C-alpha atoms as a PDB file:
ATOM      1  CA  MET A   1     -29.838-153.371  90.944  1.00  0.00           C
ATOM      2  CA  ARG A   2     -27.787-155.139  93.853  1.00  0.00           C
ATOM      3  CA  TYR A   3     -24.353-153.945  94.934  1.00  0.00           C
ATOM      4  CA  VAL A   4     -22.081-156.833  95.834  1.00  0.00           C
ATOM      5  CA  ILE A   5     -19.208-155.686  97.766  1.00  0.00           C
ATOM      6  CA  LEU A   6     -16.331-158.113  97.414  1.00  0.00           C
ATOM      7  CA  GLY A   7     -14.154-157.478 100.560  1.00  0.00           C
ATOM      8  CA  ALA A   8     -16.248-156.134 103.375  1.00  0.00           C
ATOM      9  CA  GLY A   9     -13.514-154.641 105.438  1.00  0.00           C
ATOM     10  CA  ALA A  10     -12.915-151.040 106.320  1.00  0.00           C
ATOM     11  CA  VAL A  11     -13.704-149.509 103.032  1.00  0.00           C
ATOM     12  CA  GLY A  12     -15.843-152.202 101.521  1.00  0.00           C
ATOM     13  CA  ALA A  13     -18.189-152.321 104.549  1.00  0.00           C
ATOM     14  CA  THR A  14     -18.226-148.374 104.847  1.00  0.00           C
ATOM     15  CA  ILE A  15     -19.504-148.338 101.163  1.00  0.00           C
ATOM     16  CA  GLY A  16     -21.982-151.132 101.549  1.00  0.00           C
ATOM     17  CA  GLY A  17     -23.071-150.191 104.942  1.00  0.00           C
ATOM     18  CA  ARG A  18     -23.984-146.668 103.797  1.00  0.00           C
ATOM     19  CA  LEU A  19     -25.563-147.816 100.667  1.00  0.00           C
ATOM     20  CA  ALA A  20     -27.688-150.348 102.624  1.00  0.00           C
ATOM     21  CA  GLU A  21     -28.752-147.722 105.216  1.00  0.00           C
ATOM     22  CA  ALA A  22     -29.918-145.546 102.404  1.00  0.00           C
ATOM     23  CA  GLY A  23     -32.197-148.315 101.079  1.00  0.00           C
ATOM     24  CA  PHE A  24     -30.153-149.970  98.326  1.00  0.00           C
ATOM     25  CA  ALA A  25     -29.866-153.552  97.844  1.00  0.00           C
ATOM     26  CA  VAL A  26     -26.326-154.683  99.046  1.00  0.00           C
ATOM     27  CA  THR A  27     -24.646-157.947  99.732  1.00  0.00           C
ATOM     28  CA  LEU A  28     -21.427-158.022 101.535  1.00  0.00           C
ATOM     29  CA  VAL A  29     -18.830-160.696 100.628  1.00  0.00           C
ATOM     30  CA  GLY A  30     -16.332-161.580 103.447  1.00  0.00           C
ATOM     31  CA  ARG A  31     -14.555-164.368 105.191  1.00  0.00           C
ATOM     32  CA  GLY A  32     -13.508-165.697 108.682  1.00  0.00           C
ATOM     33  CA  GLU A  33     -14.645-164.278 112.083  1.00  0.00           C
ATOM     34  CA  HIS A  34     -15.724-160.885 110.504  1.00  0.00           C
ATOM     35  CA  ALA A  35     -18.213-162.686 108.170  1.00  0.00           C
ATOM     36  CA  ALA A  36     -19.463-164.855 110.907  1.00  0.00           C
ATOM     37  CA  ALA A  37     -20.116-161.915 113.208  1.00  0.00           C
ATOM     38  CA  VAL A  38     -21.899-159.914 110.407  1.00  0.00           C
ATOM     39  CA  ARG A  39     -24.078-162.900 109.675  1.00  0.00           C
ATOM     40  CA  ARG A  40     -24.933-163.395 113.531  1.00  0.00           C
ATOM     41  CA  ASP A  41     -25.399-159.730 114.582  1.00  0.00           C
ATOM     42  CA  GLY A  42     -25.342-157.550 111.552  1.00  0.00           C
ATOM     43  CA  LEU A  43     -22.808-154.908 110.627  1.00  0.00           C
ATOM     44  CA  LEU A  44     -22.100-152.428 113.355  1.00  0.00           C
ATOM     45  CA  LEU A  45     -21.043-149.296 111.754  1.00  0.00           C
ATOM     46  CA  ALA A  46     -19.925-146.605 114.076  1.00  0.00           C
ATOM     47  CA  MET A  47     -19.884-142.792 112.699  1.00  0.00           C
ATOM     48  CA  PRO A  48     -19.149-139.780 114.565  1.00  0.00           C
ATOM     49  CA  ASP A  49     -22.850-138.798 115.044  1.00  0.00           C
ATOM     50  CA  ARG A  50     -24.342-142.368 115.530  1.00  0.00           C
ATOM     51  CA  THR A  51     -23.812-146.164 115.559  1.00  0.00           C
ATOM     52  CA  VAL A  52     -25.981-148.309 113.590  1.00  0.00           C
ATOM     53  CA  ARG A  53     -26.507-151.999 113.447  1.00  0.00           C
ATOM     54  CA  LEU A  54     -27.347-153.093 109.785  1.00  0.00           C
ATOM     55  CA  PRO A  55     -28.941-156.428 108.842  1.00  0.00           C
ATOM     56  CA  VAL A  56     -26.827-156.554 105.617  1.00  0.00           C
ATOM     57  CA  PRO A  57     -26.580-159.993 103.809  1.00  0.00           C
ATOM     58  CA  MET A  58     -23.191-161.419 104.243  1.00  0.00           C
ATOM     59  CA  VAL A  59     -21.916-164.423 102.381  1.00  0.00           C
ATOM     60  CA  THR A  60     -18.629-166.092 101.589  1.00  0.00           C
ATOM     61  CA  VAL A  61     -17.369-166.298  97.971  1.00  0.00           C
ATOM     62  CA  ASP A  62     -17.930-170.008  97.966  1.00  0.00           C
ATOM     63  CA  GLU A  63     -21.858-169.012  98.825  1.00  0.00           C
ATOM     64  CA  LEU A  64     -22.058-166.169  96.408  1.00  0.00           C
ATOM     65  CA  ARG A  65     -24.416-166.357  93.379  1.00  0.00           C
ATOM     66  CA  LEU A  66     -24.508-163.538  90.934  1.00  0.00           C
ATOM     67  CA  ALA A  67     -27.414-162.022  88.977  1.00  0.00           C
ATOM     68  CA  ALA A  68     -27.235-160.279  85.602  1.00  0.00           C
ATOM     69  CA  ASP A  69     -28.070-156.795  87.176  1.00  0.00           C
ATOM     70  CA  ASP A  70     -25.411-156.889  89.895  1.00  0.00           C
ATOM     71  CA  VAL A  71     -22.865-154.279  90.242  1.00  0.00           C
ATOM     72  CA  LEU A  72     -19.549-155.493  91.704  1.00  0.00           C
ATOM     73  CA  PHE A  73     -17.445-153.332  94.105  1.00  0.00           C
ATOM     74  CA  LEU A  74     -13.947-154.770  94.463  1.00  0.00           C
ATOM     75  CA  ALA A  75     -12.711-153.796  97.899  1.00  0.00           C
ATOM     76  CA  VAL A  76      -9.994-156.205  98.685  1.00  0.00           C
ATOM     77  CA  LYS A  77      -6.315-155.278  99.289  1.00  0.00           C
ATOM     78  CA  SER A  78      -4.500-155.220  96.023  1.00  0.00           C
ATOM     79  CA  GLN A  79      -2.357-158.326  96.837  1.00  0.00           C
ATOM     80  CA  ASP A  80      -5.602-160.423  97.149  1.00  0.00           C
ATOM     81  CA  THR A  81      -6.991-159.340  93.932  1.00  0.00           C
ATOM     82  CA  GLY A  82      -5.457-162.082  91.943  1.00  0.00           C
ATOM     83  CA  ASN A  83      -6.699-164.852  94.197  1.00  0.00           C
ATOM     84  CA  LEU A  84     -10.277-163.381  94.393  1.00  0.00           C
ATOM     85  CA  LEU A  85     -10.520-163.212  90.505  1.00  0.00           C
ATOM     86  CA  GLY A  86      -9.755-166.811  90.254  1.00  0.00           C
ATOM     87  CA  GLN A  87     -12.449-167.738  92.851  1.00  0.00           C
ATOM     88  CA  LEU A  88     -14.920-165.420  90.910  1.00  0.00           C
ATOM     89  CA  ALA A  89     -14.334-167.450  87.775  1.00  0.00           C
ATOM     90  CA  VAL A  90     -16.244-170.149  89.152  1.00  0.00           C
ATOM     91  CA  VAL A  91     -18.960-168.500  90.745  1.00  0.00           C
ATOM     92  CA  PRO A  92     -22.394-169.358  89.511  1.00  0.00           C
ATOM     93  CA  THR A  93     -23.973-166.353  87.462  1.00  0.00           C
ATOM     94  CA  ASP A  94     -27.109-165.746  85.811  1.00  0.00           C
ATOM     95  CA  GLY A  95     -25.945-164.918  82.275  1.00  0.00           C
ATOM     96  CA  ASP A  96     -22.370-163.985  81.283  1.00  0.00           C
ATOM     97  CA  ALA A  97     -20.191-163.221  84.335  1.00  0.00           C
ATOM     98  CA  GLY A  98     -17.814-161.204  82.025  1.00  0.00           C
ATOM     99  CA  ASN A  99     -20.588-158.432  81.340  1.00  0.00           C
ATOM    100  CA  LEU A 100     -20.920-157.713  84.866  1.00  0.00           C
ATOM    101  CA  PRO A 101     -19.572-154.075  85.775  1.00  0.00           C
ATOM    102  CA  VAL A 102     -16.729-154.039  88.194  1.00  0.00           C
ATOM    103  CA  PHE A 103     -15.775-150.882  90.276  1.00  0.00           C
ATOM    104  CA  CYS A 104     -12.138-151.315  91.637  1.00  0.00           C
ATOM    105  CA  ALA A 105     -12.438-149.393  94.902  1.00  0.00           C
ATOM    106  CA  GLN A 106      -8.870-150.102  95.974  1.00  0.00           C
ATOM    107  CA  ASN A 107      -5.551-148.276  96.524  1.00  0.00           C
ATOM    108  CA  GLY A 108      -2.811-148.656  93.946  1.00  0.00           C
ATOM    109  CA  VAL A 109      -3.152-148.533  90.106  1.00  0.00           C
ATOM    110  CA  ALA A 110      -2.703-152.261  89.135  1.00  0.00           C
ATOM    111  CA  ASN A 111      -6.044-153.735  89.943  1.00  0.00           C
ATOM    112  CA  GLU A 112      -7.955-152.596  87.103  1.00  0.00           C
ATOM    113  CA  ASP A 113      -5.343-154.050  84.532  1.00  0.00           C
ATOM    114  CA  ALA A 114      -5.817-157.374  86.343  1.00  0.00           C
ATOM    115  CA  VAL A 115      -9.656-157.210  86.381  1.00  0.00           C
ATOM    116  CA  VAL A 116      -9.869-156.483  82.711  1.00  0.00           C
ATOM    117  CA  ARG A 117      -8.457-159.822  81.843  1.00  0.00           C
ATOM    118  CA  HIS A 118     -11.897-161.151  83.254  1.00  0.00           C
ATOM    119  CA  PHE A 119     -14.449-158.529  82.851  1.00  0.00           C
ATOM    120  CA  ASP A 120     -15.272-156.367  80.041  1.00  0.00           C
ATOM    121  CA  ARG A 121     -16.791-153.381  81.926  1.00  0.00           C
ATOM    122  CA  VAL A 122     -14.024-152.172  84.552  1.00  0.00           C
ATOM    123  CA  TYR A 123     -14.257-148.866  86.462  1.00  0.00           C
ATOM    124  CA  GLY A 124     -11.441-147.229  88.475  1.00  0.00           C
ATOM    125  CA  VAL A 125     -12.501-145.646  91.818  1.00  0.00           C
ATOM    126  CA  CYS A 126     -10.213-143.360  93.688  1.00  0.00           C
ATOM    127  CA  VAL A 127     -11.065-143.840  97.264  1.00  0.00           C
ATOM    128  CA  ASN A 128     -10.496-141.506 100.059  1.00  0.00           C
ATOM    129  CA  ILE A 129     -12.589-143.006 103.083  1.00  0.00           C
ATOM    130  CA  PRO A 130     -10.874-142.963 106.350  1.00  0.00           C
ATOM    131  CA  ALA A 131     -12.196-146.181 107.766  1.00  0.00           C
ATOM    132  CA  THR A 132     -11.015-148.774 110.419  1.00  0.00           C
ATOM    133  CA  HIS A 133     -11.815-152.227 110.836  1.00  0.00           C
ATOM    134  CA  LEU A 134     -10.007-154.266 113.783  1.00  0.00           C
ATOM    135  CA  GLU A 135     -12.767-156.179 115.512  1.00  0.00           C
ATOM    136  CA  PRO A 136     -15.076-158.757 113.783  1.00  0.00           C
ATOM    137  CA  GLY A 137     -18.417-157.332 112.628  1.00  0.00           C
ATOM    138  CA  VAL A 138     -17.347-153.779 113.408  1.00  0.00           C
ATOM    139  CA  VAL A 139     -16.229-150.893 111.217  1.00  0.00           C
ATOM    140  CA  GLU A 140     -15.645-147.329 112.242  1.00  0.00           C
ATOM    141  CA  ALA A 141     -16.085-144.635 109.625  1.00  0.00           C
ATOM    142  CA  PRO A 142     -14.851-141.246 111.264  1.00  0.00           C
ATOM    143  CA  GLY A 143     -15.555-138.952 108.156  1.00  0.00           C
ATOM    144  CA  THR A 144     -17.886-136.001 108.786  1.00  0.00           C
ATOM    145  CA  PRO A 145     -20.275-134.430 107.344  1.00  0.00           C
ATOM    146  CA  ILE A 146     -19.651-137.053 104.573  1.00  0.00           C
ATOM    147  CA  SER A 147     -17.996-140.624 105.026  1.00  0.00           C
ATOM    148  CA  GLY A 148     -15.543-139.884 102.394  1.00  0.00           C
ATOM    149  CA  ILE A 149     -15.057-139.255  98.448  1.00  0.00           C
ATOM    150  CA  LEU A 150     -15.250-141.537  95.570  1.00  0.00           C
ATOM    151  CA  GLN A 151     -13.979-140.347  92.122  1.00  0.00           C
ATOM    152  CA  LEU A 152     -15.010-143.013  89.587  1.00  0.00           C
ATOM    153  CA  GLY A 153     -14.661-143.532  85.764  1.00  0.00           C
ATOM    154  CA  ARG A 154     -14.371-146.114  82.993  1.00  0.00           C
ATOM    155  CA  TYR A 155     -11.145-147.897  82.765  1.00  0.00           C
ATOM    156  CA  PRO A 156      -8.831-147.030  81.151  1.00  0.00           C
ATOM    157  CA  ALA A 157     -10.664-143.746  80.524  1.00  0.00           C
ATOM    158  CA  GLY A 158     -14.149-142.395  79.874  1.00  0.00           C
ATOM    159  CA  ALA A 159     -17.601-142.441  81.450  1.00  0.00           C
ATOM    160  CA  ASP A 160     -21.034-143.813  80.876  1.00  0.00           C
ATOM    161  CA  ASP A 161     -24.484-143.896  82.192  1.00  0.00           C
ATOM    162  CA  LEU A 162     -23.707-146.571  84.762  1.00  0.00           C
ATOM    163  CA  ALA A 163     -20.954-144.600  86.338  1.00  0.00           C
ATOM    164  CA  SER A 164     -23.280-141.466  86.617  1.00  0.00           C
ATOM    165  CA  SER A 165     -26.106-143.646  88.106  1.00  0.00           C
ATOM    166  CA  VAL A 166     -23.543-145.281  90.698  1.00  0.00           C
ATOM    167  CA  ALA A 167     -22.221-141.808  91.686  1.00  0.00           C
ATOM    168  CA  ALA A 168     -25.719-140.783  92.302  1.00  0.00           C
ATOM    169  CA  ASP A 169     -26.389-143.716  94.631  1.00  0.00           C
ATOM    170  CA  LEU A 170     -23.226-143.019  96.406  1.00  0.00           C
ATOM    171  CA  ARG A 171     -24.107-139.304  96.843  1.00  0.00           C
ATOM    172  CA  ARG A 172     -27.554-140.387  98.442  1.00  0.00           C
ATOM    173  CA  SER A 173     -25.605-142.640 100.796  1.00  0.00           C
ATOM    174  CA  GLY A 174     -23.491-140.040 102.418  1.00  0.00           C
ATOM    175  CA  PHE A 175     -20.328-139.747 100.017  1.00  0.00           C
ATOM    176  CA  LEU A 176     -19.113-137.176  97.723  1.00  0.00           C
ATOM    177  CA  ALA A 177     -18.869-139.077  94.522  1.00  0.00           C
ATOM    178  CA  GLU A 178     -17.957-137.507  91.087  1.00  0.00           C
ATOM    179  CA  VAL A 179     -17.475-139.088  87.563  1.00  0.00           C
ATOM    180  CA  ARG A 180     -14.051-138.584  86.178  1.00  0.00           C
ATOM    181  CA  THR A 181     -13.108-139.462  82.659  1.00  0.00           C
ATOM    182  CA  ASP A 182      -9.517-139.406  83.706  1.00  0.00           C
ATOM    183  CA  VAL A 183     -10.062-141.607  86.798  1.00  0.00           C
ATOM    184  CA  MET A 184      -6.662-143.127  86.787  1.00  0.00           C
ATOM    185  CA  ALA A 185      -4.917-139.789  86.985  1.00  0.00           C
ATOM    186  CA  TRP A 186      -6.926-139.461  90.213  1.00  0.00           C
ATOM    187  CA  LYS A 187      -5.851-142.871  91.311  1.00  0.00           C
ATOM    188  CA  ARG A 188      -2.077-141.845  90.759  1.00  0.00           C
ATOM    189  CA  ALA A 189      -2.487-138.878  92.794  1.00  0.00           C
ATOM    190  CA  LYS A 190      -3.921-140.923  95.501  1.00  0.00           C
ATOM    191  CA  LEU A 191      -0.908-143.283  95.163  1.00  0.00           C
ATOM    192  CA  LEU A 192       1.435-140.330  95.897  1.00  0.00           C
ATOM    193  CA  SER A 193      -0.326-140.123  99.203  1.00  0.00           C
ATOM    194  CA  ASN A 194      -0.450-143.735 100.089  1.00  0.00           C
ATOM    195  CA  LEU A 195       3.371-144.183  99.509  1.00  0.00           C
ATOM    196  CA  ALA A 196       3.741-142.851 103.262  1.00  0.00           C
ATOM    197  CA  ASN A 197       1.278-145.693 104.667  1.00  0.00           C
ATOM    198  CA  ALA A 198       4.250-147.930 105.413  1.00  0.00           C
ATOM    199  CA  LEU A 199       5.917-145.267 107.711  1.00  0.00           C
ATOM    200  CA  GLN A 200       3.086-145.416 110.318  1.00  0.00           C
ATOM    201  CA  VAL A 201       4.173-149.018 110.794  1.00  0.00           C
ATOM    202  CA  LEU A 202       7.851-148.605 110.357  1.00  0.00           C
ATOM    203  CA  CYS A 203       9.042-145.528 112.010  1.00  0.00           C
ATOM    204  CA  VAL A 204       9.816-144.851 115.505  1.00  0.00           C
ATOM    205  CA  GLY A 205       6.802-143.075 116.836  1.00  0.00           C
ATOM    206  CA  GLY A 206       5.004-143.778 113.769  1.00  0.00           C
ATOM    207  CA  TYR A 207       4.351-141.156 111.094  1.00  0.00           C
ATOM    208  CA  GLU A 208       2.318-138.043 111.892  1.00  0.00           C
ATOM    209  CA  TRP A 209      -0.194-137.462 109.061  1.00  0.00           C
ATOM    210  CA  ARG A 210       0.074-133.649 108.615  1.00  0.00           C
ATOM    211  CA  ALA A 211       0.619-131.278 105.741  1.00  0.00           C
ATOM    212  CA  GLY A 212       4.010-129.545 105.656  1.00  0.00           C
ATOM    213  CA  ASN A 213       6.253-131.963 107.474  1.00  0.00           C
ATOM    214  CA  ASP A 214       9.666-130.462 107.472  1.00  0.00           C
ATOM    215  CA  ASP A 215      11.435-133.028 109.676  1.00  0.00           C
ATOM    216  CA  VAL A 216      13.465-136.016 108.593  1.00  0.00           C
ATOM    217  CA  THR A 217      10.330-138.224 108.092  1.00  0.00           C
ATOM    218  CA  GLY A 218       8.907-135.507 105.825  1.00  0.00           C
ATOM    219  CA  THR A 219      11.951-135.651 103.943  1.00  0.00           C
ATOM    220  CA  VAL A 220      11.770-139.374 103.154  1.00  0.00           C
ATOM    221  CA  VAL A 221       8.089-138.652 102.106  1.00  0.00           C
ATOM    222  CA  SER A 222       9.161-135.889  99.659  1.00  0.00           C
ATOM    223  CA  ARG A 223      11.751-138.146  98.237  1.00  0.00           C
ATOM    224  CA  MET A 224       9.320-141.068  97.764  1.00  0.00           C
ATOM    225  CA  ARG A 225       6.987-138.898  96.054  1.00  0.00           C
ATOM    226  CA  ALA A 226       9.723-137.366  93.913  1.00  0.00           C
ATOM    227  CA  GLU A 227      10.786-140.904  92.865  1.00  0.00           C
ATOM    228  CA  ALA A 228       7.143-141.682  91.884  1.00  0.00           C
ATOM    229  CA  ARG A 229       6.737-138.521  89.787  1.00  0.00           C
ATOM    230  CA  ALA A 230       9.766-139.214  87.875  1.00  0.00           C
ATOM    231  CA  CYS A 231       8.368-142.742  87.123  1.00  0.00           C
ATOM    232  CA  PHE A 232       5.129-141.496  86.252  1.00  0.00           C
ATOM    233  CA  ALA A 233       6.789-139.007  83.802  1.00  0.00           C
ATOM    234  CA  ALA A 234       9.021-141.795  82.338  1.00  0.00           C
ATOM    235  CA  ALA A 235       5.893-144.055  81.606  1.00  0.00           C
ATOM    236  CA  GLY A 236       3.941-141.410  80.138  1.00  0.00           C
ATOM    237  CA  TRP A 237       1.194-141.186  82.934  1.00  0.00           C
ATOM    238  CA  THR A 238      -0.614-138.242  83.920  1.00  0.00           C
ATOM    239  CA  VAL A 239      -1.473-137.253  87.343  1.00  0.00           C
ATOM    240  CA  THR A 240      -4.276-135.012  88.788  1.00  0.00           C
ATOM    241  CA  ASP A 241      -2.969-131.875  90.032  1.00  0.00           C
ATOM    242  CA  THR A 242      -2.032-131.935  93.666  1.00  0.00           C
ATOM    243  CA  ALA A 243      -3.978-128.713  94.620  1.00  0.00           C
ATOM    244  CA  GLN A 244      -6.957-130.132  92.971  1.00  0.00           C
ATOM    245  CA  PHE A 245      -6.677-133.521  94.749  1.00  0.00           C
ATOM    246  CA  ARG A 246      -6.411-131.728  98.093  1.00  0.00           C
ATOM    247  CA  ALA A 247      -9.034-129.425  97.387  1.00  0.00           C
ATOM    248  CA  GLU A 248     -11.558-132.419  96.980  1.00  0.00           C
ATOM    249  CA  ALA A 249     -10.253-134.042 100.083  1.00  0.00           C
ATOM    250  CA  GLY A 250     -11.283-130.845 102.023  1.00  0.00           C
ATOM    251  CA  ALA A 251     -15.035-131.910 101.697  1.00  0.00           C
ATOM    252  CA  PHE A 252     -14.634-133.890 105.018  1.00  0.00           C
ATOM    253  CA  GLN A 253     -12.793-133.952 108.269  1.00  0.00           C
ATOM    254  CA  MET A 254     -12.155-137.002 110.727  1.00  0.00           C
ATOM    255  CA  ALA A 255     -13.922-136.793 114.025  1.00  0.00           C
ATOM    256  CA  ALA A 256     -13.668-139.091 117.093  1.00  0.00           C
ATOM    257  CA  VAL A 257     -15.969-142.334 117.023  1.00  0.00           C
ATOM    258  CA  ASN A 258     -17.023-143.363 120.385  1.00  0.00           C
ATOM    259  CA  GLY A 259     -14.617-140.917 121.845  1.00  0.00           C
ATOM    260  CA  GLN A 260     -11.548-142.590 120.148  1.00  0.00           C
ATOM    261  CA  LYS A 261      -9.691-140.931 117.325  1.00  0.00           C
ATOM    262  CA  ARG A 262      -8.555-143.164 114.171  1.00  0.00           C
ATOM    263  CA  GLY A 263      -5.525-145.270 115.097  1.00  0.00           C
ATOM    264  CA  GLY A 264      -3.984-145.476 111.601  1.00  0.00           C
ATOM    265  CA  GLY A 265      -4.372-146.300 107.977  1.00  0.00           C
ATOM    266  CA  SER A 266      -4.906-149.371 105.933  1.00  0.00           C
ATOM    267  CA  THR A 267      -1.282-150.523 106.132  1.00  0.00           C
ATOM    268  CA  TRP A 268      -1.108-150.089 109.884  1.00  0.00           C
ATOM    269  CA  GLN A 269      -4.385-151.907 110.446  1.00  0.00           C
ATOM    270  CA  SER A 270      -3.315-155.051 108.371  1.00  0.00           C
ATOM    271  CA  VAL A 271      -0.219-155.187 110.759  1.00  0.00           C
ATOM    272  CA  GLU A 272      -2.213-154.539 113.717  1.00  0.00           C
ATOM    273  CA  ARG A 273      -4.469-157.422 112.853  1.00  0.00           C
ATOM    274  CA  GLY A 274      -1.860-159.660 112.435  1.00  0.00           C
ATOM    275  CA  LEU A 275      -2.567-160.366 108.712  1.00  0.00           C
ATOM    276  CA  PRO A 276      -0.118-162.288 106.697  1.00  0.00           C
ATOM    277  CA  SER A 277       0.446-159.599 104.089  1.00  0.00           C
ATOM    278  CA  VAL A 278       0.264-155.803 103.443  1.00  0.00           C
ATOM    279  CA  GLU A 279      -0.395-153.824 100.222  1.00  0.00           C
ATOM    280  CA  THR A 280       3.094-152.052 100.231  1.00  0.00           C
ATOM    281  CA  ASP A 281       4.199-154.205  97.180  1.00  0.00           C
ATOM    282  CA  TYR A 282       1.317-152.381  95.299  1.00  0.00           C
ATOM    283  CA  LEU A 283       2.078-148.901  96.558  1.00  0.00           C
ATOM    284  CA  ASN A 284       5.778-148.435  96.966  1.00  0.00           C
ATOM    285  CA  GLY A 285       6.339-151.542  95.202  1.00  0.00           C
ATOM    286  CA  GLU A 286       4.391-150.060  92.185  1.00  0.00           C
ATOM    287  CA  ILE A 287       6.994-147.170  91.957  1.00  0.00           C
ATOM    288  CA  VAL A 288       9.790-149.869  92.138  1.00  0.00           C
ATOM    289  CA  ARG A 289       8.415-151.708  89.347  1.00  0.00           C
ATOM    290  CA  LEU A 290       7.986-148.518  87.184  1.00  0.00           C
ATOM    291  CA  GLY A 291      11.464-147.509  87.943  1.00  0.00           C
ATOM    292  CA  ARG A 292      12.862-150.811  86.738  1.00  0.00           C
ATOM    293  CA  LEU A 293      11.039-150.643  83.634  1.00  0.00           C
ATOM    294  CA  HIS A 294      11.748-147.141  82.561  1.00  0.00           C
ATOM    295  CA  GLY A 295      15.370-146.765  83.982  1.00  0.00           C
ATOM    296  CA  VAL A 296      14.326-144.490  87.137  1.00  0.00           C
ATOM    297  CA  SER A 297      16.292-144.935  90.338  1.00  0.00           C
ATOM    298  CA  THR A 298      13.896-145.518  93.257  1.00  0.00           C
ATOM    299  CA  PRO A 299      15.930-146.365  96.379  1.00  0.00           C
ATOM    300  CA  VAL A 300      13.853-144.738  98.894  1.00  0.00           C
ATOM    301  CA  ASN A 301      10.679-146.700  97.853  1.00  0.00           C
ATOM    302  CA  ALA A 302      12.573-149.847  97.387  1.00  0.00           C
ATOM    303  CA  ALA A 303      14.182-149.501 101.101  1.00  0.00           C
ATOM    304  CA  ILE A 304      10.486-148.982 102.393  1.00  0.00           C
ATOM    305  CA  GLN A 305       9.270-152.015 100.535  1.00  0.00           C
ATOM    306  CA  ALA A 306      12.176-154.025 102.043  1.00  0.00           C
ATOM    307  CA  ALA A 307      11.650-152.939 105.456  1.00  0.00           C
ATOM    308  CA  MET A 308       7.877-153.769 105.321  1.00  0.00           C
ATOM    309  CA  ARG A 309       8.838-157.168 104.166  1.00  0.00           C
ATOM    310  CA  GLU A 310      10.941-157.613 107.185  1.00  0.00           C
ATOM    311  CA  VAL A 311       8.045-156.660 109.410  1.00  0.00           C
ATOM    312  CA  ILE A 312       5.733-159.101 107.733  1.00  0.00           C
ATOM    313  CA  ARG A 313       8.353-161.992 108.016  1.00  0.00           C
ATOM    314  CA  ARG A 314       8.745-160.731 111.799  1.00  0.00           C
ATOM    315  CA  SER A 315      12.539-160.045 111.285  1.00  0.00           C
ATOM    316  CA  ARG A 316      11.753-156.568 112.337  1.00  0.00           C
ATOM    317  CA  ALA A 317       9.592-155.110 114.944  1.00  0.00           C
ATOM    318  CA  PRO A 318       7.162-152.343 113.959  1.00  0.00           C
ATOM    319  CA  ARG A 319       8.164-148.695 114.757  1.00  0.00           C
ATOM    320  CA  THR A 320      11.854-149.375 115.078  1.00  0.00           C
ATOM    321  CA  LEU A 321      13.140-147.610 111.890  1.00  0.00           C
ATOM    322  CA  ASP A 322      14.890-144.295 112.175  1.00  0.00           C
ATOM    323  CA  PRO A 323      14.297-142.281 109.174  1.00  0.00           C
ATOM    324  CA  ARG A 324      17.844-140.916 109.590  1.00  0.00           C
ATOM    325  CA  ASP A 325      19.171-144.160 108.961  1.00  0.00           C
ATOM    326  CA  LEU A 326      16.950-144.787 105.944  1.00  0.00           C
ATOM    327  CA  LEU A 327      18.286-141.593 104.413  1.00  0.00           C
ATOM    328  CA  ALA A 328      21.957-142.381 105.301  1.00  0.00           C
ATOM    329  CA  ALA A 329      21.511-145.875 103.617  1.00  0.00           C
END
């Protein structure tokens, strides 16, 4: 069995790198300077206790060839899923490509529904991996004593032998991995957390990631999450209990890597790298979408979504939004 990591950025390369280091067959799929650097020098995976250079095979989508026993890990940002699925449709495959299992190791809750249009066996993966990718060929994984947590299960619900086998491989590779028959409920709980991602980019001084925020920014976060919970309830969606979700997250801590603390989450990294898109439309935008479908007001999430679009269009500079103005509006 070979693990094919589609999107070898921060999360994808951490998963693929740790699997490869543990002796599993892995192929990374990437693009641009990052793919070129990994091909030339190997993947440099920096962790709190060590830095390893891994000679993991790296290919572009155009060079990819799939085999019948491959397991696909989809790790691109949600806004890139549609384009990647179109590319995969013409990738040469040994057998029926639609029978290959796809694990959606992505934030948000829209990817699995998109993937199931193309593949029969789809798995949701709730990802809690603090990883950073800012430099071609280099990924930092500051989680310790494990690199992160992966909850996985069949989409839309259930479990099977493959999910158990993949979870066991991930545990042997330095992750906490559990099979969940209600994996989408776990992903919705993670979405509640990810709604604050944009604030690291937007707010003056950034958003301090700490529990119990009682300042104005904390009020913004509370209101975003309240809107989301109202939308989930209106849609009839279950959500893993917050206490249970946070208890699992306590299995690791973040430590400095090469003397440096982690700079920010996935949205911050996209802006820092100058990428042309961010995942906000599939985080806060998912709540706005649900609100429109079910008649729930979502003004705070809509304002965050609009402000992030201004940053991407460069009509707003990062870290210029005063959360007081947001609440007043």
